[in-house]
Amino acid sequence: MIVGITAVVVITLVVIAVVLRAGPTSAPVAPRLSPGYAPTLLARAGFPATAHNVAVLHDHLGAAFLDAARDALPGEAFTALRARCAGARGGVPVVGGSSRSWPQRVLDETAAGGADVTALPRYAQDALLATAGTGHGLFGGSVFAPLPALPTDLFPTTGAVPSPRPATTPVVTPA
């Protein structure tokens, strides 16, 4: 019995030593941008998710992520990162646009360089939404057309709000 316990302890210690010596087995993973990330962000800012608008937003997000990497990485590492990501910038046949692979590639390459990018998509989203309707920044109104206004005849307006129904007294019957 003592030999069995000793064998289990020794095997456990050997496994722990091998795992610790090997170090981490995977590279840092960047968060995945969902296909609906840009369309949802545009809708929350009050803009339609047209192909042009989505492409422009993806291009801006990639550039914003790259700017954040400039602060997180040393100069030479940042220059190499920018060169590796440059090929992913094009991809959608819209003037001035890009594909979703551009911002995702920047996130992936920045994470592979050792920077923590887990909060970057949320930070970019919050920063962009803070500019909506202010006249400044990407969502300030100069790049995207606003959502179309609905025709007013679809929703007729009434002159007054109806008054509430009078309260009714429940009828109680004796048993």
N, C-alpha and C. Protein backbone atom coordinates (compact mmCIF):
# COMPACT_ATOMS: atom_id res chain seq x y z
N MET A 1 0.82 -1.18 0.00
CA MET A 1 0.00 0.00 0.00
C MET A 1 0.88 1.26 0.00
N ILE A 2 1.91 1.27 0.81
CA ILE A 2 2.80 2.41 0.88
C ILE A 2 3.54 2.57 -0.46
N VAL A 3 3.90 1.46 -1.07
CA VAL A 3 4.58 1.52 -2.36
C VAL A 3 3.66 2.13 -3.41
N GLY A 4 2.38 1.80 -3.40
CA GLY A 4 1.41 2.34 -4.36
C GLY A 4 1.22 3.83 -4.18
N ILE A 5 1.12 4.29 -2.94
CA ILE A 5 0.95 5.72 -2.66
C ILE A 5 2.21 6.47 -3.08
N THR A 6 3.37 5.91 -2.78
CA THR A 6 4.63 6.54 -3.15
C THR A 6 4.74 6.64 -4.67
N ALA A 7 4.34 5.62 -5.39
CA ALA A 7 4.40 5.62 -6.84
C ALA A 7 3.48 6.71 -7.41
N VAL A 8 2.28 6.86 -6.86
CA VAL A 8 1.35 7.88 -7.33
C VAL A 8 1.92 9.28 -7.08
N VAL A 9 2.50 9.50 -5.91
CA VAL A 9 3.08 10.80 -5.58
C VAL A 9 4.25 11.10 -6.52
N VAL A 10 5.12 10.13 -6.78
CA VAL A 10 6.27 10.34 -7.66
C VAL A 10 5.80 10.63 -9.09
N ILE A 11 4.83 9.90 -9.58
CA ILE A 11 4.32 10.13 -10.93
C ILE A 11 3.69 11.52 -11.03
N THR A 12 2.94 11.91 -10.03
CA THR A 12 2.32 13.24 -10.01
C THR A 12 3.38 14.33 -10.04
N LEU A 13 4.43 14.18 -9.24
CA LEU A 13 5.49 15.18 -9.21
C LEU A 13 6.23 15.25 -10.55
N VAL A 14 6.44 14.11 -11.18
CA VAL A 14 7.11 14.09 -12.49
C VAL A 14 6.24 14.80 -13.53
N VAL A 15 4.94 14.54 -13.52
CA VAL A 15 4.04 15.19 -14.47
C VAL A 15 4.03 16.70 -14.25
N ILE A 16 3.97 17.14 -13.02
CA ILE A 16 3.98 18.57 -12.71
C ILE A 16 5.30 19.20 -13.17
N ALA A 17 6.41 18.54 -12.93
CA ALA A 17 7.71 19.08 -13.35
C ALA A 17 7.79 19.19 -14.86
N VAL A 18 7.28 18.21 -15.58
CA VAL A 18 7.32 18.24 -17.05
C VAL A 18 6.45 19.39 -17.56
N VAL A 19 5.27 19.58 -16.99
CA VAL A 19 4.38 20.65 -17.44
C VAL A 19 5.00 22.01 -17.15
N LEU A 20 5.58 22.18 -15.96
CA LEU A 20 6.19 23.46 -15.62
C LEU A 20 7.41 23.75 -16.48
N ARG A 21 8.17 22.74 -16.80
CA ARG A 21 9.36 22.94 -17.61
C ARG A 21 8.99 23.26 -19.06
N ALA A 22 7.92 22.67 -19.55
CA ALA A 22 7.50 22.91 -20.93
C ALA A 22 6.97 24.33 -21.12
N GLY A 23 6.44 24.92 -20.07
CA GLY A 23 5.90 26.28 -20.17
C GLY A 23 4.54 26.27 -20.82
N PRO A 24 4.07 27.47 -21.17
CA PRO A 24 2.75 27.53 -21.80
C PRO A 24 2.76 26.86 -23.16
N THR A 25 1.68 26.16 -23.47
CA THR A 25 1.63 25.38 -24.71
C THR A 25 0.95 26.13 -25.84
N SER A 26 0.34 27.26 -25.56
CA SER A 26 -0.33 27.98 -26.64
C SER A 26 0.03 29.46 -26.59
N ALA A 27 -0.04 30.07 -27.74
CA ALA A 27 0.23 31.51 -27.84
C ALA A 27 -0.97 32.27 -27.30
N PRO A 28 -0.77 33.52 -26.89
CA PRO A 28 -1.90 34.31 -26.43
C PRO A 28 -2.96 34.40 -27.53
N VAL A 29 -4.21 34.36 -27.13
CA VAL A 29 -5.31 34.36 -28.08
C VAL A 29 -6.03 35.70 -28.01
N ALA A 30 -6.24 36.28 -29.17
CA ALA A 30 -6.98 37.53 -29.25
C ALA A 30 -8.48 37.22 -29.26
N PRO A 31 -9.30 38.14 -28.77
CA PRO A 31 -10.75 37.92 -28.84
C PRO A 31 -11.19 37.88 -30.30
N ARG A 32 -12.21 37.10 -30.59
CA ARG A 32 -12.73 36.97 -31.95
C ARG A 32 -13.79 38.05 -32.18
N LEU A 33 -13.68 38.76 -33.26
CA LEU A 33 -14.70 39.73 -33.64
C LEU A 33 -15.84 38.99 -34.33
N SER A 34 -17.03 39.10 -33.80
CA SER A 34 -18.16 38.40 -34.39
C SER A 34 -18.53 39.06 -35.72
N PRO A 35 -19.17 38.32 -36.62
CA PRO A 35 -19.59 38.91 -37.89
C PRO A 35 -20.54 40.10 -37.69
N GLY A 36 -21.25 40.13 -36.57
CA GLY A 36 -22.18 41.22 -36.32
C GLY A 36 -21.60 42.38 -35.54
N TYR A 37 -20.29 42.35 -35.27
CA TYR A 37 -19.68 43.41 -34.45
C TYR A 37 -19.86 44.79 -35.10
N ALA A 38 -19.46 44.95 -36.35
CA ALA A 38 -19.56 46.25 -37.02
C ALA A 38 -21.01 46.64 -37.30
N PRO A 39 -21.86 45.75 -37.85
CA PRO A 39 -23.25 46.15 -38.08
C PRO A 39 -23.98 46.57 -36.80
N THR A 40 -23.72 45.86 -35.72
CA THR A 40 -24.36 46.22 -34.45
C THR A 40 -23.85 47.56 -33.95
N LEU A 41 -22.57 47.77 -34.07
CA LEU A 41 -21.98 49.04 -33.64
C LEU A 41 -22.54 50.20 -34.47
N LEU A 42 -22.68 50.00 -35.76
CA LEU A 42 -23.27 51.04 -36.62
C LEU A 42 -24.72 51.32 -36.22
N ALA A 43 -25.49 50.27 -36.00
CA ALA A 43 -26.90 50.46 -35.62
C ALA A 43 -27.02 51.19 -34.28
N ARG A 44 -26.16 50.85 -33.32
CA ARG A 44 -26.21 51.52 -32.02
C ARG A 44 -25.85 52.99 -32.14
N ALA A 45 -25.05 53.34 -33.14
CA ALA A 45 -24.67 54.74 -33.36
C ALA A 45 -25.69 55.47 -34.23
N GLY A 46 -26.68 54.73 -34.79
CA GLY A 46 -27.73 55.35 -35.60
C GLY A 46 -27.45 55.39 -37.08
N PHE A 47 -26.60 54.47 -37.57
CA PHE A 47 -26.26 54.43 -38.98
C PHE A 47 -26.63 53.08 -39.57
N PRO A 48 -27.00 53.05 -40.87
CA PRO A 48 -27.33 51.77 -41.50
C PRO A 48 -26.08 50.92 -41.72
N ALA A 49 -26.25 49.63 -41.68
CA ALA A 49 -25.13 48.70 -41.86
C ALA A 49 -25.01 48.34 -43.34
N THR A 50 -24.77 49.33 -44.17
CA THR A 50 -24.54 49.08 -45.59
C THR A 50 -23.15 48.47 -45.77
N ALA A 51 -22.91 47.90 -46.94
CA ALA A 51 -21.59 47.32 -47.20
C ALA A 51 -20.50 48.37 -47.07
N HIS A 52 -20.77 49.56 -47.58
CA HIS A 52 -19.80 50.65 -47.49
C HIS A 52 -19.51 51.02 -46.03
N ASN A 53 -20.58 51.21 -45.25
CA ASN A 53 -20.40 51.61 -43.85
C ASN A 53 -19.64 50.55 -43.05
N VAL A 54 -19.97 49.29 -43.28
CA VAL A 54 -19.29 48.20 -42.56
C VAL A 54 -17.82 48.17 -42.95
N ALA A 55 -17.54 48.32 -44.25
CA ALA A 55 -16.15 48.29 -44.71
C ALA A 55 -15.35 49.46 -44.13
N VAL A 56 -15.94 50.64 -44.12
CA VAL A 56 -15.24 51.80 -43.56
C VAL A 56 -15.00 51.61 -42.07
N LEU A 57 -15.98 51.08 -41.36
CA LEU A 57 -15.81 50.85 -39.93
C LEU A 57 -14.74 49.80 -39.67
N HIS A 58 -14.70 48.73 -40.47
CA HIS A 58 -13.64 47.73 -40.30
C HIS A 58 -12.26 48.34 -40.53
N ASP A 59 -12.16 49.19 -41.54
CA ASP A 59 -10.89 49.84 -41.79
C ASP A 59 -10.48 50.72 -40.61
N HIS A 60 -11.42 51.45 -40.08
CA HIS A 60 -11.13 52.31 -38.93
C HIS A 60 -10.76 51.48 -37.70
N LEU A 61 -11.47 50.38 -37.47
CA LEU A 61 -11.15 49.53 -36.31
C LEU A 61 -9.75 48.95 -36.42
N GLY A 62 -9.38 48.46 -37.61
CA GLY A 62 -8.03 47.94 -37.79
C GLY A 62 -6.97 48.97 -37.50
N ALA A 63 -7.21 50.20 -38.01
CA ALA A 63 -6.25 51.28 -37.76
C ALA A 63 -6.21 51.64 -36.28
N ALA A 64 -7.36 51.63 -35.61
CA ALA A 64 -7.40 51.94 -34.17
C ALA A 64 -6.68 50.87 -33.37
N PHE A 65 -6.87 49.60 -33.74
CA PHE A 65 -6.18 48.51 -33.04
C PHE A 65 -4.68 48.61 -33.26
N LEU A 66 -4.28 49.00 -34.47
CA LEU A 66 -2.86 49.16 -34.77
C LEU A 66 -2.26 50.31 -33.96
N ASP A 67 -3.02 51.40 -33.81
CA ASP A 67 -2.55 52.51 -32.97
C ASP A 67 -2.38 52.08 -31.53
N ALA A 68 -3.29 51.25 -31.04
CA ALA A 68 -3.16 50.75 -29.66
C ALA A 68 -1.93 49.85 -29.52
N ALA A 69 -1.61 49.10 -30.57
CA ALA A 69 -0.43 48.23 -30.54
C ALA A 69 0.85 49.06 -30.49
N ARG A 70 0.81 50.24 -31.07
CA ARG A 70 1.99 51.12 -31.04
C ARG A 70 2.38 51.44 -29.60
N ASP A 71 1.39 51.60 -28.74
CA ASP A 71 1.67 51.89 -27.33
C ASP A 71 2.08 50.65 -26.54
N ALA A 72 1.65 49.48 -27.00
CA ALA A 72 1.88 48.25 -26.25
C ALA A 72 3.17 47.53 -26.63
N LEU A 73 3.72 47.81 -27.80
CA LEU A 73 4.89 47.06 -28.29
C LEU A 73 6.09 47.99 -28.47
N PRO A 74 7.31 47.44 -28.35
CA PRO A 74 8.50 48.23 -28.66
C PRO A 74 8.51 48.61 -30.15
N GLY A 75 9.31 49.62 -30.50
CA GLY A 75 9.34 50.16 -31.86
C GLY A 75 9.58 49.15 -32.95
N GLU A 76 10.58 48.30 -32.81
CA GLU A 76 10.88 47.31 -33.85
C GLU A 76 9.77 46.28 -33.97
N ALA A 77 9.21 45.86 -32.86
CA ALA A 77 8.12 44.89 -32.89
C ALA A 77 6.88 45.50 -33.55
N PHE A 78 6.65 46.79 -33.29
CA PHE A 78 5.50 47.44 -33.92
C PHE A 78 5.69 47.57 -35.43
N THR A 79 6.88 47.90 -35.88
CA THR A 79 7.15 48.01 -37.31
C THR A 79 6.93 46.67 -38.00
N ALA A 80 7.39 45.59 -37.37
CA ALA A 80 7.19 44.25 -37.94
C ALA A 80 5.71 43.88 -37.95
N LEU A 81 5.00 44.24 -36.89
CA LEU A 81 3.56 43.97 -36.81
C LEU A 81 2.82 44.69 -37.94
N ARG A 82 3.14 45.95 -38.14
CA ARG A 82 2.48 46.72 -39.18
C ARG A 82 2.73 46.11 -40.55
N ALA A 83 3.93 45.63 -40.80
CA ALA A 83 4.26 44.99 -42.09
C ALA A 83 3.49 43.68 -42.27
N ARG A 84 3.37 42.89 -41.19
CA ARG A 84 2.64 41.62 -41.28
C ARG A 84 1.15 41.83 -41.52
N CYS A 85 0.59 42.89 -41.01
CA CYS A 85 -0.85 43.13 -41.11
C CYS A 85 -1.26 43.87 -42.38
N ALA A 86 -0.32 44.49 -43.05
CA ALA A 86 -0.65 45.35 -44.19
C ALA A 86 -1.39 44.60 -45.29
N GLY A 87 -1.06 43.36 -45.53
CA GLY A 87 -1.70 42.59 -46.59
C GLY A 87 -3.16 42.29 -46.34
N ALA A 88 -3.59 42.31 -45.10
CA ALA A 88 -4.99 42.00 -44.78
C ALA A 88 -5.88 43.22 -44.84
N ARG A 89 -5.32 44.39 -45.12
CA ARG A 89 -6.13 45.61 -45.07
C ARG A 89 -7.17 45.69 -46.18
N GLY A 90 -6.86 45.26 -47.37
CA GLY A 90 -7.84 45.29 -48.46
C GLY A 90 -8.73 44.07 -48.40
N GLY A 91 -9.73 44.00 -49.26
CA GLY A 91 -10.51 42.78 -49.29
C GLY A 91 -11.95 42.97 -49.69
N VAL A 92 -12.54 44.13 -49.48
CA VAL A 92 -13.92 44.35 -49.87
C VAL A 92 -13.91 45.35 -51.02
N PRO A 93 -14.61 45.06 -52.13
CA PRO A 93 -14.56 45.97 -53.28
C PRO A 93 -15.40 47.24 -53.05
N VAL A 94 -15.09 47.97 -51.99
CA VAL A 94 -15.76 49.22 -51.70
C VAL A 94 -14.67 50.26 -51.54
N VAL A 95 -14.82 51.39 -52.20
CA VAL A 95 -13.79 52.43 -52.14
C VAL A 95 -13.56 52.83 -50.68
N GLY A 96 -12.31 52.78 -50.26
CA GLY A 96 -11.96 53.16 -48.89
C GLY A 96 -12.29 52.11 -47.86
N GLY A 97 -12.68 50.92 -48.26
CA GLY A 97 -13.11 49.91 -47.30
C GLY A 97 -12.11 48.80 -47.10
N SER A 98 -12.45 47.89 -46.26
CA SER A 98 -11.62 46.72 -46.01
C SER A 98 -12.50 45.59 -45.51
N SER A 99 -11.92 44.46 -45.30
CA SER A 99 -12.69 43.32 -44.82
C SER A 99 -12.54 43.18 -43.32
N ARG A 100 -13.37 42.31 -42.76
CA ARG A 100 -13.32 42.06 -41.32
C ARG A 100 -12.00 41.42 -40.93
N SER A 101 -11.29 40.85 -41.89
CA SER A 101 -10.02 40.20 -41.57
C SER A 101 -8.96 41.21 -41.13
N TRP A 102 -9.07 42.45 -41.56
CA TRP A 102 -8.07 43.46 -41.20
C TRP A 102 -8.05 43.71 -39.70
N PRO A 103 -9.15 44.11 -39.04
CA PRO A 103 -9.05 44.33 -37.60
C PRO A 103 -8.75 43.04 -36.84
N GLN A 104 -9.28 41.91 -37.30
CA GLN A 104 -9.00 40.65 -36.61
C GLN A 104 -7.53 40.28 -36.73
N ARG A 105 -6.95 40.50 -37.89
CA ARG A 105 -5.53 40.20 -38.09
C ARG A 105 -4.66 41.05 -37.17
N VAL A 106 -5.01 42.33 -37.03
CA VAL A 106 -4.25 43.21 -36.15
C VAL A 106 -4.34 42.71 -34.71
N LEU A 107 -5.54 42.33 -34.27
CA LEU A 107 -5.69 41.79 -32.91
C LEU A 107 -4.86 40.52 -32.72
N ASP A 108 -4.95 39.60 -33.69
CA ASP A 108 -4.22 38.34 -33.59
C ASP A 108 -2.71 38.56 -33.53
N GLU A 109 -2.21 39.39 -34.43
CA GLU A 109 -0.76 39.64 -34.48
C GLU A 109 -0.27 40.38 -33.24
N THR A 110 -1.07 41.30 -32.72
CA THR A 110 -0.68 42.03 -31.51
C THR A 110 -0.64 41.09 -30.32
N ALA A 111 -1.62 40.20 -30.22
CA ALA A 111 -1.63 39.21 -29.13
C ALA A 111 -0.44 38.27 -29.25
N ALA A 112 -0.11 37.86 -30.48
CA ALA A 112 1.04 36.98 -30.69
C ALA A 112 2.34 37.67 -30.30
N GLY A 113 2.35 39.00 -30.38
CA GLY A 113 3.53 39.77 -29.97
C GLY A 113 3.64 39.93 -28.45
N GLY A 114 2.68 39.39 -27.73
CA GLY A 114 2.74 39.42 -26.28
C GLY A 114 1.90 40.49 -25.61
N ALA A 115 1.18 41.31 -26.37
CA ALA A 115 0.36 42.36 -25.77
C ALA A 115 -1.01 41.81 -25.40
N ASP A 116 -1.58 42.35 -24.34
CA ASP A 116 -2.92 41.96 -23.90
C ASP A 116 -3.95 42.79 -24.66
N VAL A 117 -4.73 42.16 -25.50
CA VAL A 117 -5.72 42.86 -26.32
C VAL A 117 -7.14 42.44 -25.99
N THR A 118 -7.34 41.79 -24.87
CA THR A 118 -8.67 41.26 -24.54
C THR A 118 -9.73 42.35 -24.42
N ALA A 119 -9.37 43.51 -23.92
CA ALA A 119 -10.35 44.58 -23.72
C ALA A 119 -10.41 45.56 -24.90
N LEU A 120 -9.55 45.39 -25.89
CA LEU A 120 -9.45 46.37 -26.97
C LEU A 120 -10.73 46.50 -27.79
N PRO A 121 -11.41 45.42 -28.22
CA PRO A 121 -12.65 45.62 -28.98
C PRO A 121 -13.72 46.38 -28.19
N ARG A 122 -13.84 46.08 -26.91
CA ARG A 122 -14.84 46.78 -26.08
C ARG A 122 -14.46 48.24 -25.88
N TYR A 123 -13.18 48.49 -25.68
CA TYR A 123 -12.71 49.87 -25.51
C TYR A 123 -12.97 50.67 -26.78
N ALA A 124 -12.68 50.09 -27.95
CA ALA A 124 -12.91 50.77 -29.22
C ALA A 124 -14.41 51.04 -29.42
N GLN A 125 -15.23 50.06 -29.09
CA GLN A 125 -16.68 50.23 -29.20
C GLN A 125 -17.16 51.38 -28.34
N ASP A 126 -16.75 51.41 -27.08
CA ASP A 126 -17.17 52.47 -26.17
C ASP A 126 -16.68 53.84 -26.63
N ALA A 127 -15.44 53.91 -27.11
CA ALA A 127 -14.89 55.18 -27.57
C ALA A 127 -15.63 55.68 -28.81
N LEU A 128 -15.96 54.78 -29.73
CA LEU A 128 -16.68 55.19 -30.93
C LEU A 128 -18.11 55.63 -30.60
N LEU A 129 -18.80 54.88 -29.75
CA LEU A 129 -20.17 55.24 -29.41
C LEU A 129 -20.23 56.57 -28.64
N ALA A 130 -19.17 56.89 -27.92
CA ALA A 130 -19.14 58.16 -27.19
C ALA A 130 -19.13 59.35 -28.15
N THR A 131 -18.72 59.15 -29.41
CA THR A 131 -18.68 60.24 -30.38
C THR A 131 -19.96 60.36 -31.19
N ALA A 132 -20.87 59.41 -31.08
CA ALA A 132 -22.09 59.42 -31.89
C ALA A 132 -22.90 60.67 -31.61
N GLY A 133 -23.21 61.40 -32.67
CA GLY A 133 -24.04 62.58 -32.56
C GLY A 133 -23.35 63.81 -32.01
N THR A 134 -22.05 63.77 -31.79
CA THR A 134 -21.35 64.91 -31.21
C THR A 134 -20.80 65.85 -32.27
N GLY A 135 -20.74 65.40 -33.52
CA GLY A 135 -20.13 66.21 -34.57
C GLY A 135 -18.63 66.01 -34.65
N HIS A 136 -18.08 65.16 -33.79
CA HIS A 136 -16.64 64.88 -33.76
C HIS A 136 -16.43 63.38 -33.85
N GLY A 137 -15.29 62.97 -34.36
CA GLY A 137 -14.95 61.56 -34.42
C GLY A 137 -15.63 60.84 -35.57
N LEU A 138 -15.40 59.54 -35.65
CA LEU A 138 -15.91 58.74 -36.76
C LEU A 138 -17.43 58.75 -36.82
N PHE A 139 -18.10 58.64 -35.68
CA PHE A 139 -19.56 58.62 -35.66
C PHE A 139 -20.15 60.02 -35.48
N GLY A 140 -19.34 61.03 -35.73
CA GLY A 140 -19.82 62.40 -35.60
C GLY A 140 -20.76 62.81 -36.73
N GLY A 141 -20.86 62.02 -37.78
CA GLY A 141 -21.82 62.29 -38.83
C GLY A 141 -21.23 62.62 -40.19
N SER A 142 -19.92 62.67 -40.33
CA SER A 142 -19.36 63.09 -41.61
C SER A 142 -19.09 61.93 -42.56
N VAL A 143 -18.96 60.71 -42.07
CA VAL A 143 -18.60 59.57 -42.92
C VAL A 143 -19.82 58.75 -43.32
N PHE A 144 -20.74 58.57 -42.41
CA PHE A 144 -21.89 57.70 -42.63
C PHE A 144 -23.17 58.51 -42.79
N ALA A 145 -24.09 57.99 -43.57
CA ALA A 145 -25.41 58.61 -43.68
C ALA A 145 -26.28 58.09 -42.52
N PRO A 146 -27.12 58.94 -41.94
CA PRO A 146 -27.95 58.46 -40.83
C PRO A 146 -29.01 57.48 -41.32
N LEU A 147 -29.61 56.77 -40.39
CA LEU A 147 -30.70 55.87 -40.73
C LEU A 147 -31.84 56.67 -41.36
N PRO A 148 -32.51 56.09 -42.35
CA PRO A 148 -33.61 56.84 -42.97
C PRO A 148 -34.76 57.03 -41.98
N ALA A 149 -35.43 58.17 -42.09
CA ALA A 149 -36.58 58.44 -41.23
C ALA A 149 -37.78 57.66 -41.75
N LEU A 150 -38.58 57.14 -40.84
CA LEU A 150 -39.78 56.42 -41.23
C LEU A 150 -40.85 57.42 -41.64
N PRO A 151 -41.66 57.07 -42.63
CA PRO A 151 -42.76 57.97 -43.01
C PRO A 151 -43.72 58.13 -41.85
N THR A 152 -44.22 59.33 -41.67
CA THR A 152 -45.10 59.59 -40.52
C THR A 152 -46.49 59.01 -40.71
N ASP A 153 -46.89 58.73 -41.94
CA ASP A 153 -48.24 58.19 -42.15
C ASP A 153 -48.36 56.72 -41.75
N LEU A 154 -47.25 56.06 -41.47
CA LEU A 154 -47.31 54.67 -41.01
C LEU A 154 -47.82 54.56 -39.58
N PHE A 155 -47.56 55.59 -38.81
CA PHE A 155 -47.95 55.59 -37.40
C PHE A 155 -48.84 56.79 -37.14
N PRO A 156 -50.18 56.61 -37.26
CA PRO A 156 -51.05 57.77 -37.05
C PRO A 156 -50.96 58.25 -35.60
N THR A 157 -51.02 59.54 -35.46
CA THR A 157 -50.96 60.11 -34.13
C THR A 157 -52.36 60.48 -33.68
N THR A 158 -52.62 60.37 -32.43
CA THR A 158 -53.91 60.75 -31.88
C THR A 158 -53.73 62.05 -31.12
N GLY A 159 -54.80 62.77 -31.00
CA GLY A 159 -54.73 64.06 -30.34
C GLY A 159 -54.50 63.95 -28.85
N ALA A 160 -55.00 62.89 -28.24
CA ALA A 160 -54.90 62.78 -26.78
C ALA A 160 -54.62 61.33 -26.40
N VAL A 161 -54.10 61.20 -25.24
CA VAL A 161 -53.85 59.87 -24.69
C VAL A 161 -55.13 59.39 -24.04
N PRO A 162 -55.58 58.19 -24.35
CA PRO A 162 -56.84 57.73 -23.73
C PRO A 162 -56.68 57.63 -22.21
N SER A 163 -57.78 57.89 -21.53
CA SER A 163 -57.75 57.81 -20.07
C SER A 163 -57.81 56.35 -19.65
N PRO A 164 -57.30 56.05 -18.47
CA PRO A 164 -57.33 54.67 -18.01
C PRO A 164 -58.76 54.21 -17.72
N ARG A 165 -58.94 52.91 -17.79
CA ARG A 165 -60.24 52.34 -17.48
C ARG A 165 -60.55 52.51 -16.01
N PRO A 166 -61.81 52.67 -15.68
CA PRO A 166 -62.14 52.76 -14.25
C PRO A 166 -61.89 51.43 -13.56
N ALA A 167 -61.50 51.51 -12.32
CA ALA A 167 -61.27 50.28 -11.56
C ALA A 167 -62.59 49.58 -11.31
N THR A 168 -62.58 48.29 -11.40
CA THR A 168 -63.79 47.52 -11.14
C THR A 168 -63.67 46.85 -9.79
N THR A 169 -64.80 46.78 -9.14
CA THR A 169 -64.83 46.11 -7.83
C THR A 169 -65.17 44.66 -8.06
N PRO A 170 -64.34 43.74 -7.53
CA PRO A 170 -64.66 42.33 -7.74
C PRO A 170 -65.96 41.96 -7.02
N VAL A 171 -66.73 41.12 -7.68
CA VAL A 171 -68.00 40.66 -7.11
C VAL A 171 -67.71 39.44 -6.27
N VAL A 172 -68.16 39.51 -5.01
CA VAL A 172 -67.96 38.40 -4.09
C VAL A 172 -69.32 37.79 -3.81
N THR A 173 -69.46 36.54 -4.06
CA THR A 173 -70.74 35.86 -3.78
C THR A 173 -70.61 35.07 -2.50
N PRO A 174 -71.63 35.16 -1.65
CA PRO A 174 -71.56 34.40 -0.40
C PRO A 174 -71.65 32.91 -0.68
N ALA A 175 -70.99 32.18 0.13
CA ALA A 175 -70.98 30.74 -0.07
C ALA A 175 -72.12 30.06 0.61
